Amino acid sequence: MYSTEVEVIQEQYYKGVLDVSCLFNSLEDKVFRLVDEPTAYIEISSMIRALKDFNDINIPERILSLINATFEKDQTFSLDLWAGDAGRNLILDFLDIVFEYKRSQDMPTLMGYLSWDFFHIPSHIFMLIRKHAWVELWDMINARYDIRQEYDYMIRTQHFLTSEAFANPLNESLLLSSHQKELAALRENLKLATTPVMYVEGKTDRMILNTAYKKLFKDEPMPFVIKECDLAGNGTGGGYGGAQTLGRVISAIRSDSSYAALALFDNDKEGVDVYNKLPRYFEPRDQPDYRPGKISKNGRSAALLIPTPKGKERYEQLSNLCIEFLFDEDVLQKKNAEGKGLTFSFPDLEVRVKKNGSPIVEIIKSTIPETRDIVDGKVIFATEIVPSLQPEDFENFRGLFWKAKDILLSDMSPPVLLQQ
């Protein structure tokens, strides 16, 4: 017989039969008793250790909801809880788990925590950003706040240490290992998924497309989910092989996959190269001039280059059409309240002039907008500028979504196991 609830939970944990929902119910009960029973922190710590071994993409949301619920209950209670010694340790334990997943949708909530200066949450956030190499959240904080002017020396110190850590290029293998929790959670989730998935190259692509769909089809639920493949990229520039990873992911979808999958490639040099080199079992759809894209012979996966809307033909001709360039020029030039937005660079052009039989070669900087690259500001653009746009600013995305739905909802075959 077990004398405590925690011992029962530990036994279930070691047997591999522990249910996450039951664990959260017990955890919530003990958190709300922590002010009157500080010794409950020992039991809570045991539960948190078990929680860290789960791979569940919904865990961060449940943790943040639990933290927020303490404020909704009673302001005095929340102050007593989080300002006490046990609460200071607990908030760090909770956020350590949340940061492991690096979910973009959690960033606004975490940004809000920066105002909770009574228990030094900001210094904890910088510590955890450094530990988990969460560059997107780091970029967002620095875009919105001038931490160097912060009065608290601990916050300034942790900010400086994080800045120093990010000053040197991160090793790609370390970046990939830092995403293991997120990858494992996504794999577990996708085993049960039946909703079609549209894979894109990078995180900011996903953010922009999710916003675009909500703006264009406000009352229509999205019939697929969007997931990115460039898990090691930092969202500011080239990333770590988004198109290459996207090609590998879509090529590995099996005939018995529970969900149909579509890979959306940037219509740029790298994206087109990978798209053209997909395995031979990817075949062009019928009437490709009107129905672009490729579908695998097993009927469970497909690929599509970003369709070219009217007015963007030059980008396609120059192999430089990415998600951001679907917007009109006035949107691309928008800045946030701090004056930050997309930053561009123009390539060098080689000009050859033939005179008297001898060519004259000169290198000049391009002034052609369709040749430029985005070198910085993608996170700010996707998280601060794009959500503020009007529905009409997303018209160039409408054709993309119609083509994606046409493939995912019309052309995909059922899983092989369901046909038997």
Protein backbone atom coordinates (compact mmCIF):
# COMPACT_ATOMS: atom_id res chain seq x y z
CA MET A 1 0.00 0.00 0.00
CA TYR A 2 1.14 3.54 -0.73
CA SER A 3 0.79 6.19 1.95
CA THR A 4 0.80 9.28 -0.30
CA GLU A 5 -0.60 10.36 -3.64
CA VAL A 6 2.91 11.15 -4.86
CA GLU A 7 4.07 7.57 -4.20
CA VAL A 8 1.18 6.29 -6.31
CA ILE A 9 2.17 8.70 -9.11
CA GLN A 10 5.81 7.58 -8.87
CA GLU A 11 4.80 3.92 -9.14
CA GLN A 12 2.65 4.67 -12.21
CA TYR A 13 5.53 6.67 -13.68
CA TYR A 14 8.02 3.81 -13.32
CA LYS A 15 5.51 1.35 -14.75
CA GLY A 16 4.94 3.66 -17.74
CA VAL A 17 1.20 4.00 -17.13
CA LEU A 18 1.13 7.56 -15.75
CA ASP A 19 -1.50 9.76 -17.39
CA VAL A 20 -0.50 13.39 -18.05
CA SER A 21 -3.97 14.75 -17.27
CA CYS A 22 -4.06 13.01 -13.90
CA LEU A 23 -0.58 14.32 -13.18
CA PHE A 24 -1.68 17.89 -13.91
CA ASN A 25 -4.76 17.54 -11.72
CA SER A 26 -2.58 16.52 -8.79
CA LEU A 27 -0.04 19.19 -9.61
CA GLU A 28 -2.66 21.94 -9.71
CA ASP A 29 -4.05 20.87 -6.34
CA LYS A 30 -0.64 21.04 -4.69
CA VAL A 31 0.32 24.36 -6.29
CA PHE A 32 -2.82 25.95 -4.89
CA ARG A 33 -1.92 24.63 -1.42
CA LEU A 34 1.73 25.69 -1.60
CA VAL A 35 1.30 29.01 0.23
CA ASP A 36 -0.18 27.33 3.32
CA GLU A 37 1.93 24.16 2.97
CA PRO A 38 5.46 25.08 1.77
CA THR A 39 6.60 21.49 2.27
CA ALA A 40 4.35 20.52 -0.66
CA TYR A 41 7.15 21.78 -2.92
CA ILE A 42 8.99 18.49 -2.32
CA GLU A 43 6.05 16.54 -3.75
CA ILE A 44 5.66 19.04 -6.59
CA SER A 45 9.34 18.62 -7.51
CA SER A 46 8.80 14.88 -7.80
CA MET A 47 5.89 15.44 -10.18
CA ILE A 48 7.90 17.92 -12.26
CA ARG A 49 10.69 15.36 -12.69
CA ALA A 50 8.14 12.95 -14.13
CA LEU A 51 6.65 15.68 -16.32
CA LYS A 52 10.05 16.39 -17.90
CA ASP A 53 10.19 12.86 -19.29
CA PHE A 54 6.94 13.20 -21.22
CA ASN A 55 6.88 14.25 -24.88
CA ASP A 56 3.57 16.03 -25.26
CA ILE A 57 3.25 19.20 -27.35
CA ASN A 58 0.36 20.37 -25.12
CA ILE A 59 2.40 20.40 -21.89
CA PRO A 60 3.69 24.00 -22.28
CA GLU A 61 0.15 25.34 -22.71
CA ARG A 62 -1.06 23.48 -19.62
CA ILE A 63 1.83 24.78 -17.54
CA LEU A 64 1.24 28.38 -18.60
CA SER A 65 -2.49 27.99 -17.97
CA LEU A 66 -1.72 26.76 -14.45
CA ILE A 67 0.55 29.75 -13.79
CA ASN A 68 -2.08 32.17 -15.10
CA ALA A 69 -4.80 30.47 -13.02
CA THR A 70 -2.97 31.46 -9.82
CA PHE A 71 -3.48 35.13 -10.76
CA GLU A 72 -7.09 34.60 -11.72
CA LYS A 73 -7.80 33.03 -8.32
CA ASP A 74 -6.66 35.89 -6.11
CA GLN A 75 -4.08 38.65 -6.54
CA THR A 76 -2.94 38.36 -2.91
CA PHE A 77 -2.58 34.60 -3.24
CA SER A 78 -0.48 34.92 -6.41
CA LEU A 79 1.82 37.46 -4.78
CA ASP A 80 2.29 35.26 -1.72
CA LEU A 81 2.87 32.22 -3.92
CA TRP A 82 5.34 33.54 -6.47
CA ALA A 83 7.25 35.90 -4.18
CA GLY A 84 8.02 33.13 -1.67
CA ASP A 85 11.11 30.92 -1.79
CA ALA A 86 9.18 27.85 -2.97
CA GLY A 87 7.42 29.87 -5.68
CA ARG A 88 10.68 31.33 -6.97
CA ASN A 89 12.03 27.81 -7.46
CA LEU A 90 8.78 26.50 -8.88
CA ILE A 91 8.43 29.18 -11.56
CA LEU A 92 11.92 28.37 -12.81
CA ASP A 93 11.12 24.63 -12.88
CA PHE A 94 7.94 25.31 -14.84
CA LEU A 95 9.53 27.64 -17.37
CA ASP A 96 12.43 25.25 -17.89
CA ILE A 97 9.94 22.71 -19.25
CA VAL A 98 8.10 25.30 -21.37
CA PHE A 99 11.34 26.51 -22.95
CA GLU A 100 12.32 22.98 -23.98
CA TYR A 101 9.50 22.99 -26.54
CA LYS A 102 10.23 26.45 -28.00
CA ARG A 103 6.63 26.89 -29.15
CA SER A 104 6.17 30.16 -31.02
CA GLN A 105 2.59 30.48 -29.74
CA ASP A 106 3.92 30.70 -26.16
CA MET A 107 6.08 33.74 -26.89
CA PRO A 108 3.39 36.42 -26.26
CA THR A 109 2.65 34.93 -22.82
CA LEU A 110 6.33 34.83 -21.94
CA MET A 111 6.73 38.41 -23.13
CA GLY A 112 4.00 39.35 -20.67
CA TYR A 113 5.95 37.76 -17.83
CA LEU A 114 8.69 40.34 -18.32
CA SER A 115 6.58 42.75 -16.24
CA TRP A 116 6.56 40.42 -13.23
CA ASP A 117 9.63 42.00 -11.66
CA PHE A 118 8.72 41.10 -8.10
CA PHE A 119 10.20 37.62 -8.44
CA HIS A 120 12.88 38.26 -11.09
CA ILE A 121 11.14 36.38 -13.87
CA PRO A 122 13.06 38.42 -16.50
CA SER A 123 16.45 37.22 -15.25
CA HIS A 124 15.12 33.65 -15.24
CA ILE A 125 13.91 34.09 -18.80
CA PHE A 126 17.35 35.14 -19.98
CA MET A 127 18.95 32.21 -18.19
CA LEU A 128 16.58 29.82 -19.92
CA ILE A 129 16.90 31.49 -23.33
CA ARG A 130 20.63 30.90 -23.07
CA LYS A 131 20.22 27.31 -21.89
CA HIS A 132 17.78 26.34 -24.63
CA ALA A 133 19.16 28.64 -27.38
CA TRP A 134 15.72 30.05 -28.12
CA VAL A 135 16.82 32.71 -30.59
CA GLU A 136 13.30 33.70 -31.73
CA LEU A 137 12.26 34.76 -28.22
CA TRP A 138 15.61 36.54 -27.75
CA ASP A 139 15.01 38.53 -30.96
CA MET A 140 11.50 39.48 -29.90
CA ILE A 141 12.59 40.71 -26.45
CA ASN A 142 15.40 42.83 -27.85
CA ALA A 143 13.12 44.28 -30.52
CA ARG A 144 10.63 45.45 -27.89
CA TYR A 145 12.79 46.40 -24.90
CA ASP A 146 16.08 48.15 -24.27
CA ILE A 147 17.29 45.85 -21.49
CA ARG A 148 20.51 47.83 -21.12
CA GLN A 149 18.45 50.58 -19.47
CA GLU A 150 16.84 48.15 -16.99
CA TYR A 151 17.28 49.27 -13.36
CA ASP A 152 17.79 45.73 -11.98
CA TYR A 153 21.45 44.72 -12.20
CA MET A 154 20.56 40.99 -12.21
CA ILE A 155 18.45 41.43 -15.33
CA ARG A 156 21.21 43.45 -17.02
CA THR A 157 23.79 40.81 -16.07
CA GLN A 158 21.76 37.89 -17.40
CA HIS A 159 21.01 39.84 -20.58
CA PHE A 160 24.72 40.50 -21.08
CA LEU A 161 25.63 36.83 -20.53
CA THR A 162 22.96 35.74 -23.02
CA SER A 163 24.15 38.30 -25.55
CA GLU A 164 27.71 36.97 -25.18
CA ALA A 165 26.53 33.39 -25.62
CA PHE A 166 24.71 34.27 -28.86
CA ALA A 167 27.60 36.37 -30.18
CA ASN A 168 29.42 33.25 -31.38
CA PRO A 169 27.91 31.00 -34.07
CA LEU A 170 26.07 28.06 -32.55
CA ASN A 171 27.14 24.57 -33.52
CA GLU A 172 24.47 23.04 -35.74
CA SER A 173 24.52 19.71 -33.89
CA LEU A 174 23.89 21.53 -30.61
CA LEU A 175 20.99 23.39 -32.17
CA LEU A 176 19.49 20.18 -33.42
CA SER A 177 19.86 18.45 -30.05
CA SER A 178 18.15 21.39 -28.36
CA HIS A 179 15.09 20.62 -30.48
CA GLN A 180 14.96 16.93 -29.57
CA LYS A 181 12.10 17.49 -27.14
CA GLU A 182 10.06 19.34 -29.76
CA LEU A 183 10.83 16.73 -32.41
CA ALA A 184 9.91 13.86 -30.12
CA ALA A 185 6.67 15.58 -29.14
CA LEU A 186 5.77 16.25 -32.77
CA ARG A 187 6.43 12.62 -33.68
CA GLU A 188 4.21 11.39 -30.86
CA ASN A 189 1.48 13.82 -31.89
CA LEU A 190 1.67 12.92 -35.57
CA LYS A 191 1.23 9.21 -34.83
CA LEU A 192 -2.34 10.02 -33.87
CA ALA A 193 -2.91 12.78 -36.42
CA THR A 194 -5.38 12.39 -39.22
CA THR A 195 -5.69 16.05 -40.19
CA PRO A 196 -3.75 16.83 -43.40
CA VAL A 197 -0.44 18.59 -42.88
CA MET A 198 1.18 21.27 -45.01
CA TYR A 199 4.90 21.38 -44.33
CA VAL A 200 6.82 24.60 -44.97
CA GLU A 201 10.51 25.41 -44.80
CA GLY A 202 10.74 27.74 -41.81
CA LYS A 203 9.03 28.91 -38.63
CA THR A 204 8.21 32.37 -39.94
CA ASP A 205 6.65 30.82 -43.06
CA ARG A 206 4.28 28.95 -40.75
CA MET A 207 3.49 32.08 -38.74
CA ILE A 208 2.73 34.15 -41.84
CA LEU A 209 0.57 31.48 -43.49
CA ASN A 210 -1.47 30.86 -40.33
CA THR A 211 -2.15 34.59 -40.06
CA ALA A 212 -2.95 34.87 -43.77
CA TYR A 213 -5.53 32.08 -43.60
CA LYS A 214 -7.30 33.65 -40.61
CA LYS A 215 -7.41 37.02 -42.36
CA LEU A 216 -8.71 35.63 -45.66
CA PHE A 217 -11.09 32.97 -44.34
CA LYS A 218 -12.14 34.42 -41.00
CA ASP A 219 -15.15 32.15 -40.47
CA GLU A 220 -13.70 29.00 -42.05
CA PRO A 221 -11.61 26.59 -39.96
CA MET A 222 -8.32 25.67 -41.61
CA PRO A 223 -8.78 22.12 -43.02
CA PHE A 224 -5.09 21.31 -42.52
CA VAL A 225 -2.33 22.16 -40.07
CA ILE A 226 0.89 23.92 -41.00
CA LYS A 227 4.23 22.70 -39.65
CA GLU A 228 7.76 23.87 -40.38
CA CYS A 229 10.77 21.66 -41.10
CA ASP A 230 13.65 24.06 -40.43
CA LEU A 231 13.75 23.30 -36.70
CA ALA A 232 17.34 24.53 -36.36
CA GLY A 233 16.89 27.83 -38.17
CA ASN A 234 16.71 31.13 -36.31
CA GLY A 235 14.04 32.74 -38.47
CA THR A 236 16.23 35.68 -39.51
CA GLY A 237 17.84 34.39 -42.68
CA GLY A 238 18.92 31.29 -44.55
CA GLY A 239 18.45 28.94 -41.64
CA TYR A 240 19.81 25.43 -41.61
CA GLY A 241 18.70 23.76 -44.80
CA GLY A 242 14.92 24.26 -44.68
CA ALA A 243 14.32 23.16 -48.27
CA GLN A 244 16.62 20.16 -47.97
CA THR A 245 14.90 19.05 -44.75
CA LEU A 246 11.49 19.63 -46.32
CA GLY A 247 12.44 17.37 -49.23
CA ARG A 248 13.55 14.60 -46.87
CA VAL A 249 10.39 14.85 -44.76
CA ILE A 250 7.95 14.68 -47.67
CA SER A 251 9.89 11.86 -49.33
CA ALA A 252 9.55 9.73 -46.19
CA ILE A 253 5.72 9.80 -45.92
CA ARG A 254 4.55 6.20 -46.05
CA SER A 255 1.52 4.76 -47.81
CA ASP A 256 -0.01 3.87 -44.41
CA SER A 257 0.45 7.36 -42.98
CA SER A 258 -2.64 8.44 -41.04
CA TYR A 259 -2.37 11.97 -42.43
CA ALA A 260 -1.90 13.29 -45.97
CA ALA A 261 1.04 15.67 -46.35
CA LEU A 262 1.96 18.48 -48.73
CA ALA A 263 5.37 20.13 -48.90
CA LEU A 264 5.26 23.81 -49.90
CA PHE A 265 8.63 24.87 -51.31
CA ASP A 266 9.82 28.43 -51.74
CA ASN A 267 9.93 29.27 -55.45
CA ASP A 268 13.61 30.19 -55.20
CA LYS A 269 16.78 28.47 -56.40
CA GLU A 270 17.13 26.09 -53.46
CA GLY A 271 13.44 25.27 -53.29
CA VAL A 272 13.16 24.64 -57.04
CA ASP A 273 16.31 22.48 -57.03
CA VAL A 274 14.95 20.25 -54.26
CA TYR A 275 11.48 20.15 -55.83
CA ASN A 276 12.93 19.07 -59.19
CA LYS A 277 15.08 16.39 -57.54
CA LEU A 278 12.31 14.74 -55.54
CA PRO A 279 12.32 10.92 -55.95
CA ARG A 280 10.90 9.53 -59.16
CA TYR A 281 7.79 8.28 -57.38
CA PHE A 282 6.66 11.92 -57.26
CA GLU A 283 4.86 12.57 -60.53
CA PRO A 284 3.35 15.79 -61.97
CA ARG A 285 -0.40 16.13 -61.58
CA ASP A 286 -2.67 15.94 -64.62
CA GLN A 287 -2.81 19.20 -66.61
CA PRO A 288 0.17 20.73 -64.76
CA ASP A 289 -0.36 24.13 -66.40
CA TYR A 290 -3.64 24.43 -64.53
CA ARG A 291 -3.03 22.03 -61.64
CA PRO A 292 0.59 22.50 -60.54
CA GLY A 293 2.34 20.21 -58.11
CA LYS A 294 3.56 16.64 -57.79
CA ILE A 295 1.93 13.66 -56.08
CA SER A 296 3.66 10.52 -54.88
CA LYS A 297 2.52 7.20 -56.29
CA ASN A 298 1.30 6.12 -52.85
CA GLY A 299 -1.12 9.06 -52.87
CA ARG A 300 -0.31 10.18 -49.32
CA SER A 301 2.18 12.96 -50.05
CA ALA A 302 2.58 15.82 -52.51
CA ALA A 303 4.79 18.81 -53.26
CA LEU A 304 4.05 22.32 -54.50
CA LEU A 305 6.14 25.37 -55.33
CA ILE A 306 4.75 28.68 -54.07
CA PRO A 307 2.30 29.67 -56.86
CA THR A 308 3.11 32.94 -58.60
CA PRO A 309 0.32 35.52 -58.31
CA LYS A 310 -0.21 38.28 -60.84
CA GLY A 311 2.43 40.96 -60.51
CA LYS A 312 5.05 38.65 -59.01
CA GLU A 313 6.20 36.97 -62.23
CA ARG A 314 9.62 38.64 -62.14
CA TYR A 315 10.37 37.05 -58.76
CA GLU A 316 9.68 33.62 -60.26
CA GLN A 317 11.79 34.36 -63.34
CA LEU A 318 14.72 35.29 -61.09
CA SER A 319 14.16 32.25 -58.81
CA ASN A 320 13.55 34.43 -55.79
CA LEU A 321 9.90 34.01 -54.71
CA CYS A 322 9.63 33.30 -51.00
CA ILE A 323 6.60 33.69 -48.71
CA GLU A 324 7.41 37.27 -47.73
CA PHE A 325 7.61 38.43 -51.35
CA LEU A 326 3.95 37.52 -51.87
CA PHE A 327 3.19 40.79 -50.07
CA ASP A 328 3.10 44.09 -51.95
CA GLU A 329 6.02 46.49 -51.64
CA ASP A 330 4.32 48.82 -49.16
CA VAL A 331 3.90 45.91 -46.74
CA LEU A 332 7.50 44.77 -47.15
CA GLN A 333 8.66 48.24 -46.13
CA LYS A 334 6.56 48.47 -42.96
CA LYS A 335 8.31 48.85 -39.59
CA ASN A 336 7.22 48.22 -36.01
CA ALA A 337 7.01 50.87 -33.28
CA GLU A 338 10.78 50.65 -32.78
CA GLY A 339 11.43 51.21 -36.49
CA LYS A 340 12.41 47.60 -37.17
CA GLY A 341 11.25 45.32 -39.95
CA LEU A 342 12.66 43.36 -42.88
CA THR A 343 16.24 44.12 -43.86
CA PHE A 344 17.33 43.47 -47.45
CA SER A 345 20.60 43.07 -49.30
CA PHE A 346 21.14 43.36 -53.05
CA PRO A 347 23.50 41.08 -54.96
CA ASP A 348 26.31 42.17 -57.24
CA LEU A 349 25.59 42.10 -60.98
CA GLU A 350 28.14 41.42 -63.68
CA VAL A 351 27.65 43.76 -66.63
CA ARG A 352 29.27 42.86 -69.95
CA VAL A 353 29.52 45.43 -72.71
CA LYS A 354 31.00 44.47 -76.06
CA LYS A 355 32.99 47.29 -77.63
CA ASN A 356 35.27 46.97 -80.67
CA GLY A 357 35.26 43.21 -80.31
CA SER A 358 36.51 43.20 -76.71
CA PRO A 359 34.01 42.71 -73.86
CA ILE A 360 34.16 45.15 -70.98
CA VAL A 361 33.17 43.56 -67.66
CA GLU A 362 31.97 45.65 -64.73
CA ILE A 363 30.55 44.66 -61.35
CA ILE A 364 27.70 46.86 -60.08
CA LYS A 365 25.23 46.55 -57.21
CA SER A 366 21.77 45.44 -58.30
CA THR A 367 18.89 47.85 -57.92
CA ILE A 368 16.28 45.35 -59.11
CA PRO A 369 13.87 44.67 -56.19
CA GLU A 370 13.18 41.13 -57.37
CA THR A 371 16.86 40.15 -56.89
CA ARG A 372 17.18 41.17 -53.23
CA ASP A 373 17.51 38.80 -50.29
CA ILE A 374 16.01 39.12 -46.82
CA VAL A 375 18.91 39.13 -44.35
CA ASP A 376 17.18 40.05 -41.08
CA GLY A 377 13.88 40.92 -39.43
CA LYS A 378 11.80 37.88 -40.39
CA VAL A 379 10.64 37.22 -36.83
CA ILE A 380 9.63 40.85 -36.25
CA PHE A 381 7.83 40.90 -39.61
CA ALA A 382 5.93 37.66 -38.91
CA THR A 383 5.00 38.36 -35.29
CA GLU A 384 4.46 42.12 -35.16
CA ILE A 385 3.83 43.50 -38.65
CA VAL A 386 1.89 40.76 -40.46
CA PRO A 387 -0.80 40.36 -37.74
CA SER A 388 -1.58 44.08 -37.98
CA LEU A 389 -2.32 43.96 -41.73
CA GLN A 390 -5.77 44.17 -43.33
CA PRO A 391 -7.38 41.18 -45.13
CA GLU A 392 -6.82 42.81 -48.53
CA ASP A 393 -3.06 42.73 -47.92
CA PHE A 394 -3.21 38.91 -48.14
CA GLU A 395 -4.95 38.56 -51.52
CA ASN A 396 -1.81 37.08 -53.12
CA PHE A 397 -2.10 34.16 -50.66
CA ARG A 398 -5.61 33.18 -51.74
CA GLY A 399 -4.50 31.15 -54.77
CA LEU A 400 -1.87 29.35 -52.68
CA PHE A 401 -4.48 28.15 -50.19
CA TRP A 402 -6.92 27.09 -52.92
CA LYS A 403 -4.22 25.00 -54.61
CA ALA A 404 -3.11 23.48 -51.31
CA LYS A 405 -6.70 22.53 -50.43
CA ASP A 406 -7.27 21.14 -53.92
CA ILE A 407 -4.33 18.76 -53.46
CA LEU A 408 -4.84 17.81 -49.80
CA LEU A 409 -8.62 17.45 -49.87
CA SER A 410 -9.19 16.17 -53.41
CA ASP A 411 -6.16 14.32 -54.74
CA MET A 412 -4.93 12.36 -51.72
CA SER A 413 -5.67 8.64 -51.44
CA PRO A 414 -6.78 6.99 -48.17
CA PRO A 415 -4.08 5.17 -46.17
CA VAL A 416 -3.33 1.70 -47.51
CA LEU A 417 -4.46 0.09 -44.24
CA LEU A 418 -7.90 1.69 -44.61
CA GLN A 419 -8.29 0.31 -48.11
CA GLN A 420 -7.75 -3.28 -47.06
